[in-house]
Structures are given as C-alpha cells and as structure tokens.
Amino acid sequence: MKINYQKKLDEIIENEENHGKKLLIHSCCGPCSSYVLEYLSRYFRIIVFYYNPNIYPAKEIDLRIHEQREVISHIQGKYPVELKIGEYCPEKYYRGIAGHEKEKEGSIRCYKCYQLRMEEAAKMAKEWNCDYYTTTLSISPHKRADWINEIGKEFEKIYGVKHLPSDFKKKGGYQRSVELSKKWQIYRQDYCGCVFSKKEKEEREKEKEEIR
C-alpha cells in the first residue's frame, strides 16, 4: 500500500509537543531547501546540513553553498535556522556508487547516493543532539519519496534519531521552491549535481539540437 508521507508529517507538526524541537535538514541545494525551510521553520529549530560529495565539478560546490547561505538569509520563521557544511569528499561518492556508473538517473546509483548523504545526516543529527532529521531530496519530482523515507527509517534505527517523514513536492512544494528561487534570484542548477546527471543533461541538449 502506498504511504502518504505528507500525512505522516502533518501528524507530527500538528502535535504542539514537537514545536521548537531540534531538526537537522540535509540540504541537496539552496533552491530545494527554500520551501522546506519556509515551511518547517514555523515548527522546528533547524540545522541545515549541506553535505553533497556527489557535486561535479568541484567549483560548483562553492557556488551552491553560496546560494544556500542566500536562501537561509531570506527565511523568517518562528525558529532559528543555522547552517553547517559537511566535508566535500567526492572520492567517497565514487566509492559508494562503484559498479553503477553506467546506469541512468533514477537507478540504484541514485539510491546509493541518497544512502550516502542521509547516513551522514543521521550521524551528525546524533552528534548534535537533534530530535529529528530529514532531507530536502523528496521535493524533486524526479526523486522517489518511498526510497528516501525507507532510507530515513533505516538510519533512524541505526543512529537513534527519529526520521521526519517527507514528500515535500506535495502541497505545491516544488512549485513554491521555483517561485522562491525567482523571487530571491537564486541560482537554480539545471542538473542534479553529479557528473553522470550533467552528462545526461548535455546529451539531451545535443539531441534537441540535432532534431532542430
């Protein structure tokens, strides 16, 4: 049976006992985090954890971190939002997805990438004494919320920090993130972040040019 993760999230945030608790949000990028932070800063004290060793090329990481700071500067929630930057170690990403380099976007390669980033988020949530942890990844129409929440529960059991269920594309979340990017003039990347998604994007563009 398909799980309604937004309904599960609603149940948690509607409980006033959870208001003001400490939430670590793994952010895949500033634009995706915009709606999530606008939404959840009404209920939680937030640590934004920017950890994305999959990003390619290296110069892209600084640009995306800058945009993450810009997004946070615009958030005016009830509770504070703090930013912490994880180590940029692309070698760890390539080891994690080894053997799946030729697979397409949305394949097991992406699942392993989610696992890598979410495990680090769960570790840090435990180290920083957070009550919950989650990720912005589910806001993308191209990413499977069932995979993301499955992984979240897996690391909840291992690290002992509750995973906050999410499907942030619901309630118009993705569209709102696009609106906020335009409003705040935030750089919105046109590929997920890894070298493989960049190549796929370039191949699609090349095919369109050939058709023309």
N, C-alpha and C. Protein backbone atom coordinates (compact mmCIF):
# COMPACT_ATOMS: atom_id res chain seq x y z
N MET A 1 0.83 -1.20 0.00
CA MET A 1 0.00 0.00 0.00
C MET A 1 0.87 1.25 0.00
N LYS A 2 0.50 2.21 -0.83
CA LYS A 2 1.27 3.44 -0.93
C LYS A 2 1.12 4.27 0.34
N ILE A 3 2.23 4.76 0.86
CA ILE A 3 2.22 5.53 2.11
C ILE A 3 2.13 7.03 1.80
N ASN A 4 1.28 7.72 2.53
CA ASN A 4 1.15 9.17 2.39
C ASN A 4 2.10 9.83 3.40
N TYR A 5 3.31 10.16 2.94
CA TYR A 5 4.32 10.71 3.84
C TYR A 5 3.99 12.12 4.29
N GLN A 6 3.28 12.86 3.45
CA GLN A 6 2.87 14.21 3.85
C GLN A 6 1.91 14.13 5.02
N LYS A 7 1.00 13.17 4.99
CA LYS A 7 0.05 13.00 6.10
C LYS A 7 0.78 12.66 7.39
N LYS A 8 1.82 11.82 7.29
CA LYS A 8 2.62 11.46 8.47
C LYS A 8 3.33 12.69 9.02
N LEU A 9 3.85 13.52 8.12
CA LEU A 9 4.50 14.76 8.55
C LEU A 9 3.49 15.69 9.23
N ASP A 10 2.31 15.81 8.63
CA ASP A 10 1.28 16.67 9.21
C ASP A 10 0.96 16.27 10.65
N GLU A 11 0.88 14.98 10.89
CA GLU A 11 0.56 14.48 12.23
C GLU A 11 1.62 14.89 13.25
N ILE A 12 2.88 14.90 12.81
CA ILE A 12 3.97 15.27 13.72
C ILE A 12 3.97 16.76 14.00
N ILE A 13 3.81 17.58 12.97
CA ILE A 13 3.90 19.03 13.18
C ILE A 13 2.64 19.61 13.80
N GLU A 14 1.53 18.87 13.72
CA GLU A 14 0.31 19.33 14.37
C GLU A 14 0.32 19.09 15.87
N ASN A 15 1.24 18.26 16.31
CA ASN A 15 1.41 17.99 17.74
C ASN A 15 2.29 19.09 18.35
N GLU A 16 1.72 19.94 19.15
CA GLU A 16 2.46 21.09 19.68
C GLU A 16 3.64 20.68 20.55
N GLU A 17 3.65 19.47 21.04
CA GLU A 17 4.79 19.00 21.84
C GLU A 17 6.07 18.92 21.01
N ASN A 18 5.92 18.85 19.69
CA ASN A 18 7.08 18.78 18.80
C ASN A 18 7.59 20.17 18.40
N HIS A 19 6.82 21.20 18.67
CA HIS A 19 7.21 22.55 18.25
C HIS A 19 8.43 23.02 19.05
N GLY A 20 9.41 23.55 18.31
CA GLY A 20 10.63 24.03 18.96
C GLY A 20 11.68 22.96 19.12
N LYS A 21 11.38 21.74 18.69
CA LYS A 21 12.39 20.69 18.78
C LYS A 21 13.45 20.89 17.70
N LYS A 22 14.57 20.21 17.88
CA LYS A 22 15.73 20.43 17.03
C LYS A 22 15.71 19.46 15.85
N LEU A 23 15.74 20.01 14.65
CA LEU A 23 15.65 19.24 13.41
C LEU A 23 16.87 19.50 12.54
N LEU A 24 17.54 18.44 12.13
CA LEU A 24 18.60 18.56 11.14
C LEU A 24 17.99 18.27 9.77
N ILE A 25 18.18 19.20 8.85
CA ILE A 25 17.71 19.00 7.48
C ILE A 25 18.91 18.89 6.56
N HIS A 26 19.10 17.72 5.97
CA HIS A 26 20.13 17.61 4.94
C HIS A 26 19.61 18.35 3.71
N SER A 27 20.41 19.28 3.20
CA SER A 27 20.02 20.05 2.03
C SER A 27 20.81 19.60 0.81
N CYS A 28 20.09 19.26 -0.26
CA CYS A 28 20.77 18.91 -1.51
C CYS A 28 21.18 20.17 -2.27
N CYS A 29 20.45 21.27 -2.05
CA CYS A 29 20.81 22.55 -2.68
C CYS A 29 19.93 23.66 -2.10
N GLY A 30 20.35 24.88 -2.29
CA GLY A 30 19.60 26.03 -1.78
C GLY A 30 18.19 26.12 -2.33
N PRO A 31 18.00 26.05 -3.65
CA PRO A 31 16.66 26.17 -4.20
C PRO A 31 15.68 25.14 -3.64
N CYS A 32 16.13 23.89 -3.53
CA CYS A 32 15.23 22.86 -2.99
C CYS A 32 14.93 23.09 -1.51
N SER A 33 15.87 23.68 -0.80
CA SER A 33 15.66 23.92 0.64
C SER A 33 14.75 25.10 0.91
N SER A 34 14.54 25.96 -0.08
CA SER A 34 13.81 27.22 0.16
C SER A 34 12.42 26.97 0.72
N TYR A 35 11.63 26.18 0.03
CA TYR A 35 10.28 25.88 0.50
C TYR A 35 10.31 25.11 1.82
N VAL A 36 11.22 24.13 1.91
CA VAL A 36 11.29 23.29 3.11
C VAL A 36 11.58 24.14 4.35
N LEU A 37 12.50 25.09 4.22
CA LEU A 37 12.84 25.95 5.36
C LEU A 37 11.71 26.93 5.67
N GLU A 38 11.11 27.49 4.65
CA GLU A 38 9.97 28.38 4.85
C GLU A 38 8.87 27.65 5.61
N TYR A 39 8.63 26.43 5.26
CA TYR A 39 7.58 25.59 5.83
C TYR A 39 7.90 25.14 7.24
N LEU A 40 9.07 24.52 7.43
CA LEU A 40 9.36 23.85 8.70
C LEU A 40 9.93 24.77 9.79
N SER A 41 10.42 25.94 9.42
CA SER A 41 10.95 26.86 10.45
C SER A 41 9.83 27.43 11.31
N ARG A 42 8.60 27.15 10.95
CA ARG A 42 7.45 27.53 11.80
C ARG A 42 7.27 26.56 12.97
N TYR A 43 7.92 25.40 12.85
CA TYR A 43 7.71 24.34 13.84
C TYR A 43 8.97 23.86 14.56
N PHE A 44 10.13 24.00 13.91
CA PHE A 44 11.36 23.43 14.46
C PHE A 44 12.52 24.43 14.48
N ARG A 45 13.43 24.22 15.42
CA ARG A 45 14.73 24.87 15.38
C ARG A 45 15.56 24.03 14.42
N ILE A 46 16.12 24.66 13.41
CA ILE A 46 16.69 23.90 12.29
C ILE A 46 18.20 24.08 12.15
N ILE A 47 18.87 22.95 11.92
CA ILE A 47 20.24 22.95 11.43
C ILE A 47 20.18 22.48 9.98
N VAL A 48 20.61 23.33 9.06
CA VAL A 48 20.73 22.93 7.66
C VAL A 48 22.12 22.30 7.50
N PHE A 49 22.14 21.06 7.08
CA PHE A 49 23.40 20.35 6.90
C PHE A 49 23.65 20.19 5.41
N TYR A 50 24.61 20.96 4.90
CA TYR A 50 24.93 20.89 3.47
C TYR A 50 26.04 19.87 3.28
N TYR A 51 25.67 18.71 2.78
CA TYR A 51 26.64 17.62 2.58
C TYR A 51 26.32 16.93 1.26
N ASN A 52 27.14 17.20 0.25
CA ASN A 52 26.88 16.67 -1.09
C ASN A 52 28.18 16.36 -1.83
N PRO A 53 28.82 15.23 -1.48
CA PRO A 53 30.08 14.86 -2.12
C PRO A 53 29.90 14.43 -3.58
N ASN A 54 28.65 14.32 -4.02
CA ASN A 54 28.37 13.94 -5.41
C ASN A 54 28.53 15.10 -6.39
N ILE A 55 28.63 16.32 -5.90
CA ILE A 55 28.63 17.50 -6.78
C ILE A 55 29.84 17.53 -7.71
N TYR A 56 29.57 17.83 -8.98
CA TYR A 56 30.60 17.93 -10.01
C TYR A 56 30.26 19.12 -10.91
N PRO A 57 31.27 19.90 -11.34
CA PRO A 57 32.68 19.88 -10.93
C PRO A 57 32.88 20.53 -9.56
N ALA A 58 34.13 20.50 -9.08
CA ALA A 58 34.43 21.00 -7.74
C ALA A 58 34.02 22.46 -7.56
N LYS A 59 34.17 23.27 -8.61
CA LYS A 59 33.85 24.70 -8.49
C LYS A 59 32.35 24.92 -8.25
N GLU A 60 31.54 23.93 -8.60
CA GLU A 60 30.09 24.04 -8.42
C GLU A 60 29.72 24.04 -6.94
N ILE A 61 30.53 23.38 -6.12
CA ILE A 61 30.19 23.25 -4.70
C ILE A 61 30.18 24.62 -4.01
N ASP A 62 31.16 25.46 -4.33
CA ASP A 62 31.22 26.79 -3.71
C ASP A 62 30.02 27.65 -4.12
N LEU A 63 29.65 27.55 -5.38
CA LEU A 63 28.50 28.30 -5.89
C LEU A 63 27.23 27.87 -5.17
N ARG A 64 27.06 26.56 -4.99
CA ARG A 64 25.84 26.05 -4.36
C ARG A 64 25.81 26.37 -2.86
N ILE A 65 26.95 26.36 -2.23
CA ILE A 65 26.99 26.73 -0.81
C ILE A 65 26.63 28.21 -0.65
N HIS A 66 27.14 29.03 -1.55
CA HIS A 66 26.81 30.47 -1.52
C HIS A 66 25.30 30.66 -1.64
N GLU A 67 24.68 29.94 -2.56
CA GLU A 67 23.24 30.07 -2.75
C GLU A 67 22.47 29.53 -1.55
N GLN A 68 23.02 28.52 -0.89
CA GLN A 68 22.39 28.01 0.33
C GLN A 68 22.37 29.09 1.41
N ARG A 69 23.46 29.80 1.55
CA ARG A 69 23.52 30.90 2.53
C ARG A 69 22.50 31.98 2.17
N GLU A 70 22.38 32.27 0.89
CA GLU A 70 21.43 33.29 0.43
C GLU A 70 20.00 32.90 0.79
N VAL A 71 19.66 31.64 0.56
CA VAL A 71 18.32 31.18 0.88
C VAL A 71 18.03 31.35 2.37
N ILE A 72 18.97 30.91 3.20
CA ILE A 72 18.78 31.00 4.66
C ILE A 72 18.60 32.45 5.10
N SER A 73 19.29 33.37 4.44
CA SER A 73 19.19 34.78 4.82
C SER A 73 17.78 35.35 4.59
N HIS A 74 16.99 34.69 3.75
CA HIS A 74 15.64 35.16 3.45
C HIS A 74 14.57 34.52 4.34
N ILE A 75 14.94 33.49 5.08
CA ILE A 75 13.96 32.77 5.88
C ILE A 75 13.61 33.56 7.15
N GLN A 76 12.32 33.76 7.36
CA GLN A 76 11.85 34.50 8.53
C GLN A 76 10.83 33.65 9.29
N GLY A 77 11.28 32.53 9.80
CA GLY A 77 10.40 31.62 10.51
C GLY A 77 10.30 31.97 11.98
N LYS A 78 9.53 31.18 12.67
CA LYS A 78 9.36 31.37 14.12
C LYS A 78 10.62 30.98 14.86
N TYR A 79 11.33 29.97 14.33
CA TYR A 79 12.51 29.43 15.00
C TYR A 79 13.77 29.68 14.15
N PRO A 80 14.94 29.68 14.78
CA PRO A 80 16.18 29.98 14.05
C PRO A 80 16.62 28.87 13.10
N VAL A 81 17.39 29.28 12.08
CA VAL A 81 17.95 28.35 11.10
C VAL A 81 19.46 28.55 11.08
N GLU A 82 20.18 27.47 11.31
CA GLU A 82 21.65 27.50 11.36
C GLU A 82 22.19 26.65 10.22
N LEU A 83 23.35 27.02 9.68
CA LEU A 83 23.97 26.26 8.58
C LEU A 83 25.27 25.61 9.04
N LYS A 84 25.41 24.32 8.71
CA LYS A 84 26.67 23.61 8.93
C LYS A 84 27.05 22.93 7.62
N ILE A 85 28.32 23.03 7.27
CA ILE A 85 28.82 22.49 6.00
C ILE A 85 29.58 21.20 6.24
N GLY A 86 29.19 20.15 5.53
CA GLY A 86 29.89 18.88 5.62
C GLY A 86 31.13 18.86 4.72
N GLU A 87 31.96 17.88 4.91
CA GLU A 87 33.18 17.75 4.12
C GLU A 87 32.86 17.42 2.67
N TYR A 88 33.53 18.09 1.75
CA TYR A 88 33.38 17.78 0.33
C TYR A 88 34.44 16.76 -0.05
N CYS A 89 34.02 15.52 -0.20
CA CYS A 89 34.94 14.42 -0.49
C CYS A 89 34.36 13.57 -1.62
N PRO A 90 34.56 13.99 -2.87
CA PRO A 90 33.96 13.26 -3.99
C PRO A 90 34.41 11.81 -4.09
N GLU A 91 35.62 11.52 -3.58
CA GLU A 91 36.10 10.13 -3.63
C GLU A 91 35.16 9.20 -2.88
N LYS A 92 34.58 9.69 -1.80
CA LYS A 92 33.64 8.89 -1.02
C LYS A 92 32.39 8.58 -1.85
N TYR A 93 31.95 9.56 -2.63
CA TYR A 93 30.80 9.34 -3.50
C TYR A 93 31.10 8.28 -4.56
N TYR A 94 32.25 8.41 -5.21
CA TYR A 94 32.59 7.46 -6.29
C TYR A 94 32.76 6.04 -5.75
N ARG A 95 33.28 5.92 -4.54
CA ARG A 95 33.37 4.58 -3.93
C ARG A 95 31.97 4.03 -3.64
N GLY A 96 31.09 4.92 -3.21
CA GLY A 96 29.75 4.49 -2.83
C GLY A 96 28.90 4.00 -3.99
N ILE A 97 29.14 4.55 -5.19
CA ILE A 97 28.31 4.16 -6.34
C ILE A 97 29.08 3.28 -7.31
N ALA A 98 30.25 2.80 -6.92
CA ALA A 98 31.10 1.97 -7.78
C ALA A 98 30.33 0.78 -8.35
N GLY A 99 30.48 0.57 -9.65
CA GLY A 99 29.79 -0.52 -10.32
C GLY A 99 28.48 -0.10 -10.95
N HIS A 100 28.03 1.12 -10.65
CA HIS A 100 26.73 1.60 -11.16
C HIS A 100 26.88 2.86 -12.02
N GLU A 101 28.11 3.12 -12.44
CA GLU A 101 28.39 4.37 -13.16
C GLU A 101 27.61 4.50 -14.47
N LYS A 102 27.30 3.39 -15.13
CA LYS A 102 26.66 3.45 -16.44
C LYS A 102 25.13 3.44 -16.37
N GLU A 103 24.60 3.37 -15.16
CA GLU A 103 23.15 3.36 -15.02
C GLU A 103 22.57 4.77 -15.16
N LYS A 104 21.30 4.83 -15.47
CA LYS A 104 20.63 6.10 -15.73
C LYS A 104 20.19 6.78 -14.43
N GLU A 105 19.81 8.05 -14.55
CA GLU A 105 19.24 8.78 -13.42
C GLU A 105 17.99 8.05 -12.92
N GLY A 106 17.85 7.97 -11.61
CA GLY A 106 16.71 7.28 -11.04
C GLY A 106 16.96 5.81 -10.78
N SER A 107 18.17 5.35 -11.03
CA SER A 107 18.52 3.94 -10.85
C SER A 107 19.06 3.70 -9.44
N ILE A 108 19.58 2.49 -9.22
CA ILE A 108 20.17 2.13 -7.93
C ILE A 108 21.36 3.04 -7.60
N ARG A 109 21.99 3.61 -8.62
CA ARG A 109 23.09 4.54 -8.36
C ARG A 109 22.60 5.73 -7.53
N CYS A 110 21.43 6.24 -7.87
CA CYS A 110 20.85 7.35 -7.12
C CYS A 110 20.47 6.91 -5.71
N TYR A 111 19.94 5.70 -5.59
CA TYR A 111 19.58 5.17 -4.27
C TYR A 111 20.80 5.16 -3.37
N LYS A 112 21.92 4.70 -3.89
CA LYS A 112 23.14 4.63 -3.10
C LYS A 112 23.66 6.03 -2.74
N CYS A 113 23.44 6.98 -3.64
CA CYS A 113 23.81 8.37 -3.37
C CYS A 113 22.96 8.94 -2.24
N TYR A 114 21.66 8.65 -2.26
CA TYR A 114 20.79 9.08 -1.16
C TYR A 114 21.26 8.48 0.16
N GLN A 115 21.59 7.19 0.12
CA GLN A 115 22.05 6.50 1.33
C GLN A 115 23.29 7.16 1.92
N LEU A 116 24.24 7.46 1.05
CA LEU A 116 25.49 8.08 1.48
C LEU A 116 25.25 9.39 2.21
N ARG A 117 24.44 10.24 1.62
CA ARG A 117 24.20 11.57 2.19
C ARG A 117 23.30 11.51 3.43
N MET A 118 22.33 10.64 3.40
CA MET A 118 21.41 10.56 4.54
C MET A 118 22.04 9.87 5.75
N GLU A 119 22.96 8.95 5.49
CA GLU A 119 23.64 8.35 6.64
C GLU A 119 24.50 9.39 7.35
N GLU A 120 25.19 10.22 6.58
CA GLU A 120 26.00 11.28 7.20
C GLU A 120 25.10 12.25 7.97
N ALA A 121 23.92 12.53 7.42
CA ALA A 121 22.97 13.42 8.11
C ALA A 121 22.52 12.80 9.43
N ALA A 122 22.23 11.51 9.42
CA ALA A 122 21.81 10.83 10.65
C ALA A 122 22.93 10.83 11.69
N LYS A 123 24.16 10.61 11.25
CA LYS A 123 25.32 10.64 12.16
C LYS A 123 25.44 12.00 12.82
N MET A 124 25.36 13.06 12.00
CA MET A 124 25.51 14.41 12.53
C MET A 124 24.33 14.79 13.42
N ALA A 125 23.15 14.32 13.07
CA ALA A 125 21.97 14.60 13.91
C ALA A 125 22.18 14.01 15.30
N LYS A 126 22.76 12.83 15.36
CA LYS A 126 23.05 12.22 16.66
C LYS A 126 24.12 13.01 17.40
N GLU A 127 25.19 13.40 16.69
CA GLU A 127 26.29 14.14 17.31
C GLU A 127 25.84 15.49 17.85
N TRP A 128 24.89 16.13 17.14
CA TRP A 128 24.44 17.47 17.54
C TRP A 128 23.15 17.42 18.37
N ASN A 129 22.81 16.24 18.85
CA ASN A 129 21.67 16.07 19.76
C ASN A 129 20.35 16.58 19.19
N CYS A 130 20.11 16.23 17.94
CA CYS A 130 18.85 16.62 17.30
C CYS A 130 17.74 15.63 17.66
N ASP A 131 16.52 16.14 17.63
CA ASP A 131 15.36 15.29 17.90
C ASP A 131 14.89 14.55 16.65
N TYR A 132 15.09 15.20 15.49
CA TYR A 132 14.69 14.63 14.21
C TYR A 132 15.75 14.94 13.16
N TYR A 133 15.70 14.17 12.07
CA TYR A 133 16.49 14.54 10.88
C TYR A 133 15.67 14.19 9.65
N THR A 134 15.94 14.89 8.56
CA THR A 134 15.27 14.63 7.29
C THR A 134 16.15 15.17 6.16
N THR A 135 15.64 15.16 4.93
CA THR A 135 16.39 15.68 3.79
C THR A 135 15.43 16.41 2.85
N THR A 136 15.96 17.35 2.10
CA THR A 136 15.16 18.08 1.12
C THR A 136 14.95 17.27 -0.17
N LEU A 137 15.61 16.14 -0.30
CA LEU A 137 15.61 15.40 -1.56
C LEU A 137 14.22 15.09 -2.11
N SER A 138 13.25 14.87 -1.22
CA SER A 138 11.92 14.45 -1.69
C SER A 138 11.14 15.56 -2.37
N ILE A 139 11.67 16.78 -2.41
CA ILE A 139 10.95 17.86 -3.09
C ILE A 139 11.02 17.73 -4.61
N SER A 140 12.01 17.01 -5.09
CA SER A 140 12.19 16.88 -6.54
C SER A 140 11.17 15.92 -7.15
N PRO A 141 10.54 16.31 -8.26
CA PRO A 141 9.62 15.41 -8.96
C PRO A 141 10.34 14.18 -9.52
N HIS A 142 11.67 14.25 -9.60
CA HIS A 142 12.46 13.16 -10.18
C HIS A 142 12.99 12.18 -9.14
N LYS A 143 12.69 12.43 -7.87
CA LYS A 143 13.22 11.56 -6.81
C LYS A 143 12.09 10.86 -6.07
N ARG A 144 12.31 9.59 -5.79
CA ARG A 144 11.26 8.76 -5.19
C ARG A 144 11.19 8.94 -3.68
N ALA A 145 10.05 9.43 -3.22
CA ALA A 145 9.86 9.64 -1.79
C ALA A 145 9.88 8.33 -1.01
N ASP A 146 9.42 7.24 -1.63
CA ASP A 146 9.42 5.96 -0.91
C ASP A 146 10.83 5.50 -0.61
N TRP A 147 11.74 5.65 -1.57
CA TRP A 147 13.15 5.31 -1.33
C TRP A 147 13.72 6.17 -0.21
N ILE A 148 13.49 7.47 -0.29
CA ILE A 148 14.07 8.41 0.66
C ILE A 148 13.59 8.13 2.08
N ASN A 149 12.32 7.87 2.24
CA ASN A 149 11.77 7.59 3.56
C ASN A 149 12.18 6.20 4.07
N GLU A 150 12.33 5.27 3.18
CA GLU A 150 12.82 3.93 3.54
C GLU A 150 14.23 4.04 4.11
N ILE A 151 15.08 4.80 3.43
CA ILE A 151 16.45 5.01 3.89
C ILE A 151 16.45 5.75 5.22
N GLY A 152 15.58 6.76 5.33
CA GLY A 152 15.49 7.52 6.57
C GLY A 152 15.17 6.65 7.77
N LYS A 153 14.24 5.72 7.61
CA LYS A 153 13.88 4.81 8.71
C LYS A 153 15.01 3.85 9.03
N GLU A 154 15.73 3.44 8.00
CA GLU A 154 16.88 2.54 8.19
C GLU A 154 17.91 3.16 9.12
N PHE A 155 18.25 4.42 8.88
CA PHE A 155 19.27 5.07 9.70
C PHE A 155 18.71 5.57 11.03
N GLU A 156 17.41 5.74 11.12
CA GLU A 156 16.79 6.04 12.41
C GLU A 156 17.08 4.90 13.39
N LYS A 157 16.95 3.68 12.90
CA LYS A 157 17.19 2.50 13.75
C LYS A 157 18.66 2.39 14.15
N ILE A 158 19.54 2.74 13.23
CA ILE A 158 20.98 2.59 13.48
C ILE A 158 21.51 3.68 14.42
N TYR A 159 21.09 4.94 14.19
CA TYR A 159 21.67 6.07 14.92
C TYR A 159 20.78 6.62 16.04
N GLY A 160 19.54 6.17 16.10
CA GLY A 160 18.69 6.55 17.23
C GLY A 160 18.11 7.94 17.18
N VAL A 161 18.12 8.58 16.01
CA VAL A 161 17.48 9.89 15.83
C VAL A 161 16.27 9.70 14.93
N LYS A 162 15.12 10.21 15.35
CA LYS A 162 13.90 9.99 14.58
C LYS A 162 13.99 10.62 13.19
N HIS A 163 13.55 9.87 12.20
CA HIS A 163 13.48 10.42 10.84
C HIS A 163 12.15 11.11 10.65
N LEU A 164 12.19 12.35 10.18
CA LEU A 164 10.98 13.11 9.90
C LEU A 164 10.50 12.74 8.51
N PRO A 165 9.36 12.06 8.38
CA PRO A 165 8.89 11.63 7.05
C PRO A 165 8.59 12.84 6.18
N SER A 166 8.77 12.66 4.88
CA SER A 166 8.53 13.80 3.99
C SER A 166 8.23 13.36 2.57
N ASP A 167 7.45 14.19 1.91
CA ASP A 167 7.31 14.17 0.46
C ASP A 167 7.05 15.62 0.11
N PHE A 168 8.13 16.41 0.13
CA PHE A 168 7.99 17.87 0.08
C PHE A 168 7.45 18.40 -1.23
N LYS A 169 7.36 17.55 -2.25
CA LYS A 169 6.75 18.01 -3.50
C LYS A 169 5.24 18.18 -3.36
N LYS A 170 4.67 17.56 -2.32
CA LYS A 170 3.23 17.69 -2.05
C LYS A 170 2.90 19.12 -1.62
N LYS A 171 1.63 19.44 -1.66
CA LYS A 171 1.14 20.78 -1.29
C LYS A 171 1.79 21.88 -2.13
N GLY A 172 2.18 21.53 -3.36
CA GLY A 172 2.79 22.52 -4.25
C GLY A 172 4.18 22.92 -3.83
N GLY A 173 4.87 22.05 -3.09
CA GLY A 173 6.19 22.38 -2.57
C GLY A 173 7.23 22.66 -3.64
N TYR A 174 7.25 21.84 -4.67
CA TYR A 174 8.23 22.06 -5.74
C TYR A 174 7.97 23.38 -6.44
N GLN A 175 6.70 23.64 -6.78
CA GLN A 175 6.34 24.90 -7.46
C GLN A 175 6.71 26.10 -6.60
N ARG A 176 6.49 25.98 -5.29
CA ARG A 176 6.83 27.08 -4.39
C ARG A 176 8.34 27.31 -4.38
N SER A 177 9.12 26.25 -4.44
CA SER A 177 10.59 26.41 -4.46
C SER A 177 11.04 27.15 -5.71
N VAL A 178 10.36 26.89 -6.83
CA VAL A 178 10.68 27.59 -8.08
C VAL A 178 10.33 29.08 -7.95
N GLU A 179 9.16 29.35 -7.35
CA GLU A 179 8.75 30.74 -7.13
C GLU A 179 9.75 31.49 -6.26
N LEU A 180 10.19 30.84 -5.18
CA LEU A 180 11.12 31.50 -4.25
C LEU A 180 12.48 31.74 -4.90
N SER A 181 12.92 30.81 -5.75
CA SER A 181 14.19 30.99 -6.45
C SER A 181 14.15 32.23 -7.33
N LYS A 182 13.01 32.42 -8.01
CA LYS A 182 12.86 33.61 -8.86
C LYS A 182 12.78 34.87 -8.02
N LYS A 183 12.00 34.81 -6.96
CA LYS A 183 11.81 35.97 -6.09
C LYS A 183 13.12 36.42 -5.46
N TRP A 184 13.92 35.47 -5.00
CA TRP A 184 15.18 35.79 -4.30
C TRP A 184 16.39 35.78 -5.23
N GLN A 185 16.14 35.52 -6.52
CA GLN A 185 17.20 35.49 -7.54
C GLN A 185 18.30 34.47 -7.16
N ILE A 186 17.85 33.27 -6.89
CA ILE A 186 18.75 32.18 -6.51
C ILE A 186 19.12 31.37 -7.74
N TYR A 187 20.39 31.08 -7.89
CA TYR A 187 20.87 30.23 -8.98
C TYR A 187 20.26 28.84 -8.83
N ARG A 188 19.56 28.41 -9.88
CA ARG A 188 18.91 27.11 -9.87
C ARG A 188 19.58 26.23 -10.92
N GLN A 189 20.34 25.24 -10.47
CA GLN A 189 21.10 24.39 -11.37
C GLN A 189 20.18 23.60 -12.30
N ASP A 190 20.69 23.24 -13.48
CA ASP A 190 19.87 22.51 -14.46
C ASP A 190 20.25 21.03 -14.55
N TYR A 191 20.95 20.54 -13.54
CA TYR A 191 21.22 19.10 -13.44
C TYR A 191 21.34 18.77 -11.95
N CYS A 192 21.13 17.52 -11.60
CA CYS A 192 21.06 17.13 -10.19
C CYS A 192 22.32 17.51 -9.42
N GLY A 193 23.48 17.25 -10.02
CA GLY A 193 24.71 17.61 -9.32
C GLY A 193 25.90 16.75 -9.68
N CYS A 194 25.69 15.46 -9.93
CA CYS A 194 26.82 14.56 -10.20
C CYS A 194 27.24 14.64 -11.66
N VAL A 195 28.41 14.09 -11.94
CA VAL A 195 28.95 14.10 -13.30
C VAL A 195 28.04 13.35 -14.27
N PHE A 196 27.38 12.31 -13.76
CA PHE A 196 26.52 11.49 -14.62
C PHE A 196 25.25 12.24 -15.02
N SER A 197 24.65 12.96 -14.08
CA SER A 197 23.45 13.74 -14.41
C SER A 197 23.81 14.89 -15.35
N LYS A 198 25.02 15.43 -15.18
CA LYS A 198 25.47 16.51 -16.05
C LYS A 198 25.63 16.01 -17.49
N LYS A 199 26.21 14.83 -17.63
CA LYS A 199 26.40 14.24 -18.96
C LYS A 199 25.06 13.92 -19.61
N GLU A 200 24.13 13.38 -18.84
CA GLU A 200 22.80 13.08 -19.38
C GLU A 200 22.11 14.34 -19.86
N LYS A 201 22.25 15.42 -19.09
CA LYS A 201 21.64 16.70 -19.47
C LYS A 201 22.26 17.20 -20.78
N GLU A 202 23.57 17.12 -20.90
CA GLU A 202 24.26 17.57 -22.11
C GLU A 202 23.88 16.73 -23.32
N GLU A 203 23.68 15.42 -23.11
CA GLU A 203 23.27 14.53 -24.21
C GLU A 203 21.86 14.88 -24.69
N ARG A 204 20.97 15.20 -23.74
CA ARG A 204 19.60 15.58 -24.12
C ARG A 204 19.61 16.87 -24.94
N GLU A 205 20.44 17.81 -24.52
CA GLU A 205 20.53 19.09 -25.23
C GLU A 205 21.09 18.89 -26.65
N LYS A 206 22.06 17.98 -26.75
CA LYS A 206 22.67 17.69 -28.06
C LYS A 206 21.63 17.07 -28.99
N GLU A 207 20.81 16.16 -28.46
CA GLU A 207 19.77 15.51 -29.25
C GLU A 207 18.74 16.53 -29.74
N LYS A 208 18.39 17.48 -28.88
CA LYS A 208 17.44 18.52 -29.27
C LYS A 208 18.00 19.38 -30.40
N GLU A 209 19.29 19.69 -30.31
CA GLU A 209 19.93 20.50 -31.36
C GLU A 209 19.95 19.77 -32.68
N GLU A 210 20.20 18.46 -32.62
CA GLU A 210 20.25 17.66 -33.86
C GLU A 210 18.89 17.59 -34.52
N ILE A 211 17.82 17.53 -33.70
CA ILE A 211 16.45 17.49 -34.24
C ILE A 211 16.12 18.78 -34.96
N ARG A 212 16.60 19.90 -34.38
CA ARG A 212 16.36 21.21 -34.99
C ARG A 212 17.07 21.33 -36.35
